Amino acid sequence: MTGKNTLMLFLTAFIWGTAFVAQSVGMDYIGPFTFTCVRSLIGGIFLIPCICFLDKWRAKNDGAERQKKVDRKEEKKNVILGGICCGLALCVASNLQQIGIQYTTVGKAGFITALYIVLVPIFGIFLKKKAGVRIWISVAISVAGLYLLCITDKLVLAKGDILVLLCAVVFTIHILVIDYFSPKADGVRIACTQFFITGVLSAIPMFLFETPRLSDIFAAAVPVLYAGVLSSGVAYTLQIVAQKDADPTVASLILSLESVFSVLGGWVILGQKLSIREIAGCILMFSAIILAQLPGNKEA
């Protein structure tokens, strides 16, 4: 993997991590459903020119061989179906996360959300995919970390932590859906479709439970644009381009730094500090995330 690939993946993790700050700040101006709706639509619009760019880039690198292998009609069908399925999951996960961030710190939200890395292989068991001993060790470590990070003296999870934990579960489903459709169609086109689906579906509770005003949306322009353009558009495109020639294990390890950047962003920008206990929980959860991504035996 080249230094250029590493830099792009590192930048992706940074953008995704600091986007938690943008999501938190955005709540000062607009409701969670409004934020998710506008952010997702912006992300979908941004990805349209990205698709054109990536098509030209792939044509230059892959030549005409890919054109012969891909059934365009079948791919278009999978883009639509995959985009709808992914959009449904992303809508639920994004709104759970957005609501949860109102009641917890961005650092906690970042680390709890990252639990999907451990949950994916566990959910894979129901799809007849085996989870090795290393994964179960990761689960045990992450549970211990979650306890230190989130559980109060009353042995209960706070409201925000529960919502973000549910978000991690739905993101797990989202990843498994992507895993099913990504070999069947272009990933960026599926992403573009899912963002529009998420935006349209989020508009329903936005109008039912919130009072969206253009003045408020414009007041939240900076965090919304950061989350929409950079987090949804730029970072996703960087990930797609960088992972083409990158080792998947190394790439996922770099991307898992997202959770670290969320803590640093909350501390530096929002002044949200963690106790020694919470820091210990972060260290345990980050260790579990790394362990879950380390390569196993050749058969696995």
C-alpha atoms as a PDB file:
ATOM      1  CA  MET A   1       0.000   0.000   0.000  1.00  0.00           C
ATOM      2  CA  THR A   2       1.410   3.375  -1.014  1.00  0.00           C
ATOM      3  CA  GLY A   3       1.789   6.410   1.210  1.00  0.00           C
ATOM      4  CA  LYS A   4      -0.893   8.109  -0.889  1.00  0.00           C
ATOM      5  CA  ASN A   5      -3.411   5.382  -0.043  1.00  0.00           C
ATOM      6  CA  THR A   6      -2.506   5.569   3.651  1.00  0.00           C
ATOM      7  CA  LEU A   7      -2.932   9.353   3.652  1.00  0.00           C
ATOM      8  CA  MET A   8      -6.365   9.114   1.980  1.00  0.00           C
ATOM      9  CA  LEU A   9      -7.566   6.508   4.492  1.00  0.00           C
ATOM     10  CA  PHE A  10      -6.180   8.536   7.407  1.00  0.00           C
ATOM     11  CA  LEU A  11      -8.009  11.624   6.090  1.00  0.00           C
ATOM     12  CA  THR A  12     -11.201   9.572   5.758  1.00  0.00           C
ATOM     13  CA  ALA A  13     -10.991   8.465   9.403  1.00  0.00           C
ATOM     14  CA  PHE A  14     -10.337  12.066  10.473  1.00  0.00           C
ATOM     15  CA  ILE A  15     -13.360  13.384   8.559  1.00  0.00           C
ATOM     16  CA  TRP A  16     -15.667  10.663   9.866  1.00  0.00           C
ATOM     17  CA  GLY A  17     -14.455  11.120  13.446  1.00  0.00           C
ATOM     18  CA  THR A  18     -14.765  14.906  13.503  1.00  0.00           C
ATOM     19  CA  ALA A  19     -18.169  14.660  11.791  1.00  0.00           C
ATOM     20  CA  PHE A  20     -19.533  13.643  15.216  1.00  0.00           C
ATOM     21  CA  VAL A  21     -18.692  17.185  16.346  1.00  0.00           C
ATOM     22  CA  ALA A  22     -20.585  18.628  13.378  1.00  0.00           C
ATOM     23  CA  GLN A  23     -23.560  16.423  14.203  1.00  0.00           C
ATOM     24  CA  SER A  24     -23.540  17.629  17.807  1.00  0.00           C
ATOM     25  CA  VAL A  25     -23.216  21.309  16.904  1.00  0.00           C
ATOM     26  CA  GLY A  26     -25.978  20.999  14.314  1.00  0.00           C
ATOM     27  CA  MET A  27     -28.428  20.091  17.066  1.00  0.00           C
ATOM     28  CA  ASP A  28     -28.122  23.661  18.395  1.00  0.00           C
ATOM     29  CA  TYR A  29     -30.057  24.867  15.351  1.00  0.00           C
ATOM     30  CA  ILE A  30     -32.202  22.088  13.894  1.00  0.00           C
ATOM     31  CA  GLY A  31     -33.791  18.799  14.939  1.00  0.00           C
ATOM     32  CA  PRO A  32     -32.187  15.395  14.384  1.00  0.00           C
ATOM     33  CA  PHE A  33     -34.520  14.345  11.549  1.00  0.00           C
ATOM     34  CA  THR A  34     -33.977  17.656   9.759  1.00  0.00           C
ATOM     35  CA  PHE A  35     -30.215  17.286  10.114  1.00  0.00           C
ATOM     36  CA  THR A  36     -30.233  13.728   8.735  1.00  0.00           C
ATOM     37  CA  CYS A  37     -32.583  14.669   5.897  1.00  0.00           C
ATOM     38  CA  VAL A  38     -30.601  17.685   4.675  1.00  0.00           C
ATOM     39  CA  ARG A  39     -27.221  16.037   5.249  1.00  0.00           C
ATOM     40  CA  SER A  40     -28.218  12.919   3.289  1.00  0.00           C
ATOM     41  CA  LEU A  41     -29.643  14.843   0.342  1.00  0.00           C
ATOM     42  CA  ILE A  42     -26.467  16.950   0.149  1.00  0.00           C
ATOM     43  CA  GLY A  43     -24.366  13.771   0.270  1.00  0.00           C
ATOM     44  CA  GLY A  44     -26.396  12.222  -2.564  1.00  0.00           C
ATOM     45  CA  ILE A  45     -26.114  15.343  -4.724  1.00  0.00           C
ATOM     46  CA  PHE A  46     -22.363  15.553  -4.097  1.00  0.00           C
ATOM     47  CA  LEU A  47     -21.828  11.931  -5.141  1.00  0.00           C
ATOM     48  CA  ILE A  48     -23.346  12.500  -8.606  1.00  0.00           C
ATOM     49  CA  PRO A  49     -20.223  14.269  -9.982  1.00  0.00           C
ATOM     50  CA  CYS A  50     -18.082  11.810  -7.990  1.00  0.00           C
ATOM     51  CA  ILE A  51     -19.667   8.951  -9.950  1.00  0.00           C
ATOM     52  CA  CYS A  52     -18.677  10.643 -13.214  1.00  0.00           C
ATOM     53  CA  PHE A  53     -15.119  11.132 -11.946  1.00  0.00           C
ATOM     54  CA  LEU A  54     -14.786   7.539 -10.744  1.00  0.00           C
ATOM     55  CA  ASP A  55     -16.196   6.191 -14.022  1.00  0.00           C
ATOM     56  CA  LYS A  56     -13.456   8.011 -15.928  1.00  0.00           C
ATOM     57  CA  TRP A  57     -10.819   6.929 -13.405  1.00  0.00           C
ATOM     58  CA  ARG A  58     -11.884   3.286 -13.613  1.00  0.00           C
ATOM     59  CA  ALA A  59     -12.059   3.382 -17.415  1.00  0.00           C
ATOM     60  CA  LYS A  60      -8.492   4.668 -17.466  1.00  0.00           C
ATOM     61  CA  ASN A  61      -7.239   2.001 -15.039  1.00  0.00           C
ATOM     62  CA  ASP A  62      -9.408  -0.988 -15.900  1.00  0.00           C
ATOM     63  CA  GLY A  63      -9.893  -0.419 -19.606  1.00  0.00           C
ATOM     64  CA  ALA A  64     -12.731  -2.098 -21.469  1.00  0.00           C
ATOM     65  CA  GLU A  65     -12.453  -5.406 -19.609  1.00  0.00           C
ATOM     66  CA  ARG A  66     -14.839  -4.365 -16.861  1.00  0.00           C
ATOM     67  CA  GLN A  67     -17.399  -3.278 -19.464  1.00  0.00           C
ATOM     68  CA  LYS A  68     -17.532  -6.845 -20.802  1.00  0.00           C
ATOM     69  CA  LYS A  69     -17.916  -8.435 -17.372  1.00  0.00           C
ATOM     70  CA  VAL A  70     -20.751  -6.263 -16.126  1.00  0.00           C
ATOM     71  CA  ASP A  71     -24.332  -6.770 -17.240  1.00  0.00           C
ATOM     72  CA  ARG A  72     -25.557  -3.170 -17.279  1.00  0.00           C
ATOM     73  CA  LYS A  73     -29.237  -4.022 -16.952  1.00  0.00           C
ATOM     74  CA  GLU A  74     -28.626  -6.346 -14.022  1.00  0.00           C
ATOM     75  CA  GLU A  75     -26.296  -3.826 -12.397  1.00  0.00           C
ATOM     76  CA  LYS A  76     -28.880  -1.054 -12.652  1.00  0.00           C
ATOM     77  CA  LYS A  77     -31.445  -3.331 -11.001  1.00  0.00           C
ATOM     78  CA  ASN A  78     -29.039  -4.115  -8.156  1.00  0.00           C
ATOM     79  CA  VAL A  79     -28.148  -0.429  -7.722  1.00  0.00           C
ATOM     80  CA  ILE A  80     -31.824   0.437  -7.223  1.00  0.00           C
ATOM     81  CA  LEU A  81     -32.647  -2.542  -4.993  1.00  0.00           C
ATOM     82  CA  GLY A  82     -29.394  -2.237  -3.044  1.00  0.00           C
ATOM     83  CA  GLY A  83     -29.823   1.506  -2.667  1.00  0.00           C
ATOM     84  CA  ILE A  84     -33.328   1.077  -1.257  1.00  0.00           C
ATOM     85  CA  CYS A  85     -32.324  -1.668   1.203  1.00  0.00           C
ATOM     86  CA  CYS A  86     -29.185   0.200   2.302  1.00  0.00           C
ATOM     87  CA  GLY A  87     -31.131   3.460   2.498  1.00  0.00           C
ATOM     88  CA  LEU A  88     -33.729   1.945   4.839  1.00  0.00           C
ATOM     89  CA  ALA A  89     -31.019   0.681   7.207  1.00  0.00           C
ATOM     90  CA  LEU A  90     -28.965   3.880   6.957  1.00  0.00           C
ATOM     91  CA  CYS A  91     -32.041   6.013   7.673  1.00  0.00           C
ATOM     92  CA  VAL A  92     -32.799   4.162  10.915  1.00  0.00           C
ATOM     93  CA  ALA A  93     -29.132   4.028  12.014  1.00  0.00           C
ATOM     94  CA  SER A  94     -28.397   7.686  11.204  1.00  0.00           C
ATOM     95  CA  ASN A  95     -31.459   9.008  13.001  1.00  0.00           C
ATOM     96  CA  LEU A  96     -30.830   6.840  16.074  1.00  0.00           C
ATOM     97  CA  GLN A  97     -27.277   8.182  16.162  1.00  0.00           C
ATOM     98  CA  GLN A  98     -28.381  11.767  15.596  1.00  0.00           C
ATOM     99  CA  ILE A  99     -30.965  11.642  18.377  1.00  0.00           C
ATOM    100  CA  GLY A 100     -28.546   9.843  20.703  1.00  0.00           C
ATOM    101  CA  ILE A 101     -25.810  12.452  20.242  1.00  0.00           C
ATOM    102  CA  GLN A 102     -28.126  14.964  21.916  1.00  0.00           C
ATOM    103  CA  TYR A 103     -27.857  13.003  25.174  1.00  0.00           C
ATOM    104  CA  THR A 104     -24.231  11.818  25.197  1.00  0.00           C
ATOM    105  CA  THR A 105     -20.759  13.078  24.300  1.00  0.00           C
ATOM    106  CA  VAL A 106     -19.375  12.811  20.775  1.00  0.00           C
ATOM    107  CA  GLY A 107     -16.491  10.698  22.100  1.00  0.00           C
ATOM    108  CA  LYS A 108     -18.825   8.096  23.570  1.00  0.00           C
ATOM    109  CA  ALA A 109     -20.959   8.159  20.433  1.00  0.00           C
ATOM    110  CA  GLY A 110     -17.893   7.541  18.273  1.00  0.00           C
ATOM    111  CA  PHE A 111     -16.678   4.549  20.259  1.00  0.00           C
ATOM    112  CA  ILE A 112     -20.102   2.952  20.725  1.00  0.00           C
ATOM    113  CA  THR A 113     -20.884   3.329  17.017  1.00  0.00           C
ATOM    114  CA  ALA A 114     -17.558   1.639  16.179  1.00  0.00           C
ATOM    115  CA  LEU A 115     -18.838  -1.516  17.910  1.00  0.00           C
ATOM    116  CA  TYR A 116     -20.331  -2.501  14.558  1.00  0.00           C
ATOM    117  CA  ILE A 117     -16.838  -3.772  13.672  1.00  0.00           C
ATOM    118  CA  VAL A 118     -17.216  -6.404  16.399  1.00  0.00           C
ATOM    119  CA  LEU A 119     -20.933  -6.995  15.791  1.00  0.00           C
ATOM    120  CA  VAL A 120     -20.648  -7.683  12.046  1.00  0.00           C
ATOM    121  CA  PRO A 121     -18.947 -11.102  12.391  1.00  0.00           C
ATOM    122  CA  ILE A 122     -21.335 -12.036  15.219  1.00  0.00           C
ATOM    123  CA  PHE A 123     -24.387 -11.247  13.074  1.00  0.00           C
ATOM    124  CA  GLY A 124     -22.652 -13.143  10.284  1.00  0.00           C
ATOM    125  CA  ILE A 125     -23.208 -16.342  12.292  1.00  0.00           C
ATOM    126  CA  PHE A 126     -26.899 -16.165  11.321  1.00  0.00           C
ATOM    127  CA  LEU A 127     -25.743 -16.080   7.690  1.00  0.00           C
ATOM    128  CA  LYS A 128     -23.719 -19.248   8.309  1.00  0.00           C
ATOM    129  CA  LYS A 129     -20.428 -17.395   8.572  1.00  0.00           C
ATOM    130  CA  LYS A 130     -18.212 -18.661  11.391  1.00  0.00           C
ATOM    131  CA  ALA A 131     -16.826 -16.357  14.073  1.00  0.00           C
ATOM    132  CA  GLY A 132     -13.505 -17.494  15.535  1.00  0.00           C
ATOM    133  CA  VAL A 133     -12.209 -17.358  19.089  1.00  0.00           C
ATOM    134  CA  ARG A 134     -10.566 -13.997  18.353  1.00  0.00           C
ATOM    135  CA  ILE A 135     -13.977 -12.440  17.644  1.00  0.00           C
ATOM    136  CA  TRP A 136     -15.472 -13.715  20.905  1.00  0.00           C
ATOM    137  CA  ILE A 137     -12.489 -12.329  22.810  1.00  0.00           C
ATOM    138  CA  SER A 138     -13.118  -9.007  21.060  1.00  0.00           C
ATOM    139  CA  VAL A 139     -16.752  -9.124  22.158  1.00  0.00           C
ATOM    140  CA  ALA A 140     -15.768  -9.749  25.788  1.00  0.00           C
ATOM    141  CA  ILE A 141     -13.250  -6.880  25.729  1.00  0.00           C
ATOM    142  CA  SER A 142     -15.739  -4.507  24.061  1.00  0.00           C
ATOM    143  CA  VAL A 143     -18.437  -5.323  26.634  1.00  0.00           C
ATOM    144  CA  ALA A 144     -15.951  -4.548  29.432  1.00  0.00           C
ATOM    145  CA  GLY A 145     -15.015  -1.314  27.667  1.00  0.00           C
ATOM    146  CA  LEU A 146     -18.667  -0.396  27.164  1.00  0.00           C
ATOM    147  CA  TYR A 147     -19.297  -0.964  30.871  1.00  0.00           C
ATOM    148  CA  LEU A 148     -16.477   1.405  31.894  1.00  0.00           C
ATOM    149  CA  LEU A 149     -17.413   3.982  29.260  1.00  0.00           C
ATOM    150  CA  CYS A 150     -21.167   4.131  29.649  1.00  0.00           C
ATOM    151  CA  ILE A 151     -22.576   2.292  32.680  1.00  0.00           C
ATOM    152  CA  THR A 152     -23.305   4.539  35.643  1.00  0.00           C
ATOM    153  CA  ASP A 153     -23.115   3.626  39.315  1.00  0.00           C
ATOM    154  CA  LYS A 154     -26.778   2.587  39.049  1.00  0.00           C
ATOM    155  CA  LEU A 155     -25.788  -0.092  36.496  1.00  0.00           C
ATOM    156  CA  VAL A 156     -27.906   1.446  33.726  1.00  0.00           C
ATOM    157  CA  LEU A 157     -27.049   2.843  30.329  1.00  0.00           C
ATOM    158  CA  ALA A 158     -27.883   6.499  29.764  1.00  0.00           C
ATOM    159  CA  LYS A 159     -30.584   7.298  27.192  1.00  0.00           C
ATOM    160  CA  GLY A 160     -28.113   8.622  24.620  1.00  0.00           C
ATOM    161  CA  ASP A 161     -25.805   5.627  24.989  1.00  0.00           C
ATOM    162  CA  ILE A 162     -28.704   3.189  24.438  1.00  0.00           C
ATOM    163  CA  LEU A 163     -29.764   4.998  21.259  1.00  0.00           C
ATOM    164  CA  VAL A 164     -26.219   5.009  19.866  1.00  0.00           C
ATOM    165  CA  LEU A 165     -25.813   1.329  20.804  1.00  0.00           C
ATOM    166  CA  LEU A 166     -28.996   0.552  18.859  1.00  0.00           C
ATOM    167  CA  CYS A 167     -27.504   2.628  16.041  1.00  0.00           C
ATOM    168  CA  ALA A 168     -24.417   0.372  16.049  1.00  0.00           C
ATOM    169  CA  VAL A 169     -26.693  -2.679  15.751  1.00  0.00           C
ATOM    170  CA  VAL A 170     -28.528  -1.208  12.752  1.00  0.00           C
ATOM    171  CA  PHE A 171     -25.231  -0.120  11.173  1.00  0.00           C
ATOM    172  CA  THR A 172     -24.199  -3.766  11.471  1.00  0.00           C
ATOM    173  CA  ILE A 173     -27.251  -4.745   9.417  1.00  0.00           C
ATOM    174  CA  HIS A 174     -26.425  -1.933   6.987  1.00  0.00           C
ATOM    175  CA  ILE A 175     -22.900  -3.276   6.470  1.00  0.00           C
ATOM    176  CA  LEU A 176     -24.167  -6.822   5.884  1.00  0.00           C
ATOM    177  CA  VAL A 177     -26.626  -5.491   3.296  1.00  0.00           C
ATOM    178  CA  ILE A 178     -23.789  -3.601   1.579  1.00  0.00           C
ATOM    179  CA  ASP A 179     -21.703  -6.756   1.699  1.00  0.00           C
ATOM    180  CA  TYR A 180     -24.465  -8.579  -0.181  1.00  0.00           C
ATOM    181  CA  PHE A 181     -25.033  -5.963  -2.886  1.00  0.00           C
ATOM    182  CA  SER A 182     -21.544  -4.490  -3.400  1.00  0.00           C
ATOM    183  CA  PRO A 183     -20.267  -7.387  -5.588  1.00  0.00           C
ATOM    184  CA  LYS A 184     -23.391  -7.072  -7.737  1.00  0.00           C
ATOM    185  CA  ALA A 185     -23.241  -3.330  -8.533  1.00  0.00           C
ATOM    186  CA  ASP A 186     -21.128  -0.185  -8.323  1.00  0.00           C
ATOM    187  CA  GLY A 187     -20.639   0.792  -4.666  1.00  0.00           C
ATOM    188  CA  VAL A 188     -20.681   4.564  -5.216  1.00  0.00           C
ATOM    189  CA  ARG A 189     -23.950   4.382  -7.157  1.00  0.00           C
ATOM    190  CA  ILE A 190     -25.490   2.340  -4.339  1.00  0.00           C
ATOM    191  CA  ALA A 191     -24.204   4.928  -1.836  1.00  0.00           C
ATOM    192  CA  CYS A 192     -25.658   7.799  -3.870  1.00  0.00           C
ATOM    193  CA  THR A 193     -29.043   6.044  -4.052  1.00  0.00           C
ATOM    194  CA  GLN A 194     -29.045   5.202  -0.340  1.00  0.00           C
ATOM    195  CA  PHE A 195     -28.381   8.842   0.595  1.00  0.00           C
ATOM    196  CA  PHE A 196     -31.398  10.018  -1.407  1.00  0.00           C
ATOM    197  CA  ILE A 197     -33.563   7.260   0.131  1.00  0.00           C
ATOM    198  CA  THR A 198     -32.364   8.240   3.621  1.00  0.00           C
ATOM    199  CA  GLY A 199     -33.064  11.914   2.927  1.00  0.00           C
ATOM    200  CA  VAL A 200     -36.584  11.300   1.609  1.00  0.00           C
ATOM    201  CA  LEU A 201     -37.528   8.888   4.431  1.00  0.00           C
ATOM    202  CA  SER A 202     -36.119  11.248   7.100  1.00  0.00           C
ATOM    203  CA  ALA A 203     -38.284  14.034   5.680  1.00  0.00           C
ATOM    204  CA  ILE A 204     -41.413  12.195   6.876  1.00  0.00           C
ATOM    205  CA  PRO A 205     -40.680  12.377  10.666  1.00  0.00           C
ATOM    206  CA  MET A 206     -39.036  15.769  10.041  1.00  0.00           C
ATOM    207  CA  PHE A 207     -42.393  17.272   9.001  1.00  0.00           C
ATOM    208  CA  LEU A 208     -44.370  15.200  11.535  1.00  0.00           C
ATOM    209  CA  PHE A 209     -42.327  15.899  14.679  1.00  0.00           C
ATOM    210  CA  GLU A 210     -40.207  18.960  13.882  1.00  0.00           C
ATOM    211  CA  THR A 211     -40.710  22.415  12.433  1.00  0.00           C
ATOM    212  CA  PRO A 212     -38.006  22.816   9.800  1.00  0.00           C
ATOM    213  CA  ARG A 213     -37.285  26.406   8.816  1.00  0.00           C
ATOM    214  CA  LEU A 214     -34.891  27.544   6.100  1.00  0.00           C
ATOM    215  CA  SER A 215     -33.457  30.173   8.448  1.00  0.00           C
ATOM    216  CA  ASP A 216     -32.515  27.467  10.970  1.00  0.00           C
ATOM    217  CA  ILE A 217     -31.059  25.222   8.270  1.00  0.00           C
ATOM    218  CA  PHE A 218     -28.948  28.110   6.954  1.00  0.00           C
ATOM    219  CA  ALA A 219     -27.836  28.847  10.528  1.00  0.00           C
ATOM    220  CA  ALA A 220     -26.635  25.220  10.738  1.00  0.00           C
ATOM    221  CA  ALA A 221     -25.014  25.425   7.283  1.00  0.00           C
ATOM    222  CA  VAL A 222     -21.436  24.749   8.425  1.00  0.00           C
ATOM    223  CA  PRO A 223     -22.068  21.513  10.404  1.00  0.00           C
ATOM    224  CA  VAL A 224     -24.653  20.299   7.856  1.00  0.00           C
ATOM    225  CA  LEU A 225     -22.303  20.895   4.910  1.00  0.00           C
ATOM    226  CA  TYR A 226     -19.419  19.266   6.782  1.00  0.00           C
ATOM    227  CA  ALA A 227     -21.495  16.170   7.475  1.00  0.00           C
ATOM    228  CA  GLY A 228     -23.085  16.126   4.019  1.00  0.00           C
ATOM    229  CA  VAL A 229     -20.230  17.070   1.690  1.00  0.00           C
ATOM    230  CA  LEU A 230     -17.146  15.930   3.599  1.00  0.00           C
ATOM    231  CA  SER A 231     -18.405  12.989   5.674  1.00  0.00           C
ATOM    232  CA  SER A 232     -20.897  11.540   3.199  1.00  0.00           C
ATOM    233  CA  GLY A 233     -19.345  12.648  -0.088  1.00  0.00           C
ATOM    234  CA  VAL A 234     -15.597  13.281   0.100  1.00  0.00           C
ATOM    235  CA  ALA A 235     -14.723  10.679   2.757  1.00  0.00           C
ATOM    236  CA  TYR A 236     -16.706   7.906   1.089  1.00  0.00           C
ATOM    237  CA  THR A 237     -15.073   8.648  -2.287  1.00  0.00           C
ATOM    238  CA  LEU A 238     -11.615   8.731  -0.696  1.00  0.00           C
ATOM    239  CA  GLN A 239     -12.298   5.351   0.895  1.00  0.00           C
ATOM    240  CA  ILE A 240     -13.390   3.800  -2.423  1.00  0.00           C
ATOM    241  CA  VAL A 241     -10.324   5.117  -4.290  1.00  0.00           C
ATOM    242  CA  ALA A 242      -7.812   4.351  -1.509  1.00  0.00           C
ATOM    243  CA  GLN A 243      -8.990   0.790  -0.863  1.00  0.00           C
ATOM    244  CA  LYS A 244      -8.547  -0.242  -4.492  1.00  0.00           C
ATOM    245  CA  ASP A 245      -4.825  -1.004  -3.945  1.00  0.00           C
ATOM    246  CA  ALA A 246      -4.811  -1.286  -0.152  1.00  0.00           C
ATOM    247  CA  ASP A 247      -4.605  -4.314   2.113  1.00  0.00           C
ATOM    248  CA  PRO A 248      -8.134  -4.603   3.588  1.00  0.00           C
ATOM    249  CA  THR A 249      -6.893  -5.339   7.113  1.00  0.00           C
ATOM    250  CA  VAL A 250      -4.522  -2.374   7.165  1.00  0.00           C
ATOM    251  CA  ALA A 251      -7.238  -0.178   5.644  1.00  0.00           C
ATOM    252  CA  SER A 252      -9.819  -1.144   8.274  1.00  0.00           C
ATOM    253  CA  LEU A 253      -7.303  -0.553  11.077  1.00  0.00           C
ATOM    254  CA  ILE A 254      -6.633   2.964   9.797  1.00  0.00           C
ATOM    255  CA  LEU A 255     -10.345   3.668   9.383  1.00  0.00           C
ATOM    256  CA  SER A 256     -11.030   2.512  12.946  1.00  0.00           C
ATOM    257  CA  LEU A 257      -9.139   5.631  14.080  1.00  0.00           C
ATOM    258  CA  GLU A 258     -12.478   7.341  13.463  1.00  0.00           C
ATOM    259  CA  SER A 259     -13.437   6.601  17.075  1.00  0.00           C
ATOM    260  CA  VAL A 260     -10.221   8.188  18.381  1.00  0.00           C
ATOM    261  CA  PHE A 261     -10.761  11.331  16.313  1.00  0.00           C
ATOM    262  CA  SER A 262     -14.317  11.620  17.655  1.00  0.00           C
ATOM    263  CA  VAL A 263     -12.946  11.770  21.215  1.00  0.00           C
ATOM    264  CA  LEU A 264     -10.215  14.246  20.275  1.00  0.00           C
ATOM    265  CA  GLY A 265     -12.723  16.393  18.362  1.00  0.00           C
ATOM    266  CA  GLY A 266     -15.144  16.478  21.285  1.00  0.00           C
ATOM    267  CA  TRP A 267     -12.313  17.400  23.661  1.00  0.00           C
ATOM    268  CA  VAL A 268     -10.568  20.052  21.530  1.00  0.00           C
ATOM    269  CA  ILE A 269     -13.590  21.683  19.863  1.00  0.00           C
ATOM    270  CA  LEU A 270     -16.449  21.146  22.320  1.00  0.00           C
ATOM    271  CA  GLY A 271     -14.479  20.871  25.560  1.00  0.00           C
ATOM    272  CA  GLN A 272     -16.021  17.486  26.373  1.00  0.00           C
ATOM    273  CA  LYS A 273     -13.676  15.703  28.774  1.00  0.00           C
ATOM    274  CA  LEU A 274     -13.586  12.032  29.715  1.00  0.00           C
ATOM    275  CA  SER A 275     -12.917  10.655  33.192  1.00  0.00           C
ATOM    276  CA  ILE A 276     -10.122   8.151  33.844  1.00  0.00           C
ATOM    277  CA  ARG A 277     -12.753   5.399  33.925  1.00  0.00           C
ATOM    278  CA  GLU A 278     -14.195   6.487  30.554  1.00  0.00           C
ATOM    279  CA  ILE A 279     -10.710   6.736  29.009  1.00  0.00           C
ATOM    280  CA  ALA A 280     -10.008   3.170  30.193  1.00  0.00           C
ATOM    281  CA  GLY A 281     -13.267   2.101  28.548  1.00  0.00           C
ATOM    282  CA  CYS A 282     -12.208   3.782  25.283  1.00  0.00           C
ATOM    283  CA  ILE A 283      -8.854   1.982  25.365  1.00  0.00           C
ATOM    284  CA  LEU A 284     -10.553  -1.392  25.888  1.00  0.00           C
ATOM    285  CA  MET A 285     -13.084  -0.793  23.127  1.00  0.00           C
ATOM    286  CA  PHE A 286     -10.407   0.398  20.703  1.00  0.00           C
ATOM    287  CA  SER A 287      -8.345  -2.705  21.541  1.00  0.00           C
ATOM    288  CA  ALA A 288     -11.400  -4.882  20.786  1.00  0.00           C
ATOM    289  CA  ILE A 289     -11.941  -3.076  17.473  1.00  0.00           C
ATOM    290  CA  ILE A 290      -8.313  -3.648  16.426  1.00  0.00           C
ATOM    291  CA  LEU A 291      -8.353  -7.292  17.563  1.00  0.00           C
ATOM    292  CA  ALA A 292     -11.546  -7.938  15.564  1.00  0.00           C
ATOM    293  CA  GLN A 293      -9.839  -6.662  12.401  1.00  0.00           C
ATOM    294  CA  LEU A 294      -6.556  -8.514  12.694  1.00  0.00           C
ATOM    295  CA  PRO A 295      -6.100 -11.241  10.054  1.00  0.00           C
ATOM    296  CA  GLY A 296      -6.920 -14.768  11.162  1.00  0.00           C
ATOM    297  CA  ASN A 297      -5.917 -18.039   9.543  1.00  0.00           C
ATOM    298  CA  LYS A 298      -5.934 -18.454   5.760  1.00  0.00           C
ATOM    299  CA  GLU A 299      -9.247 -20.265   5.705  1.00  0.00           C
ATOM    300  CA  ALA A 300     -10.971 -17.431   7.609  1.00  0.00           C
END
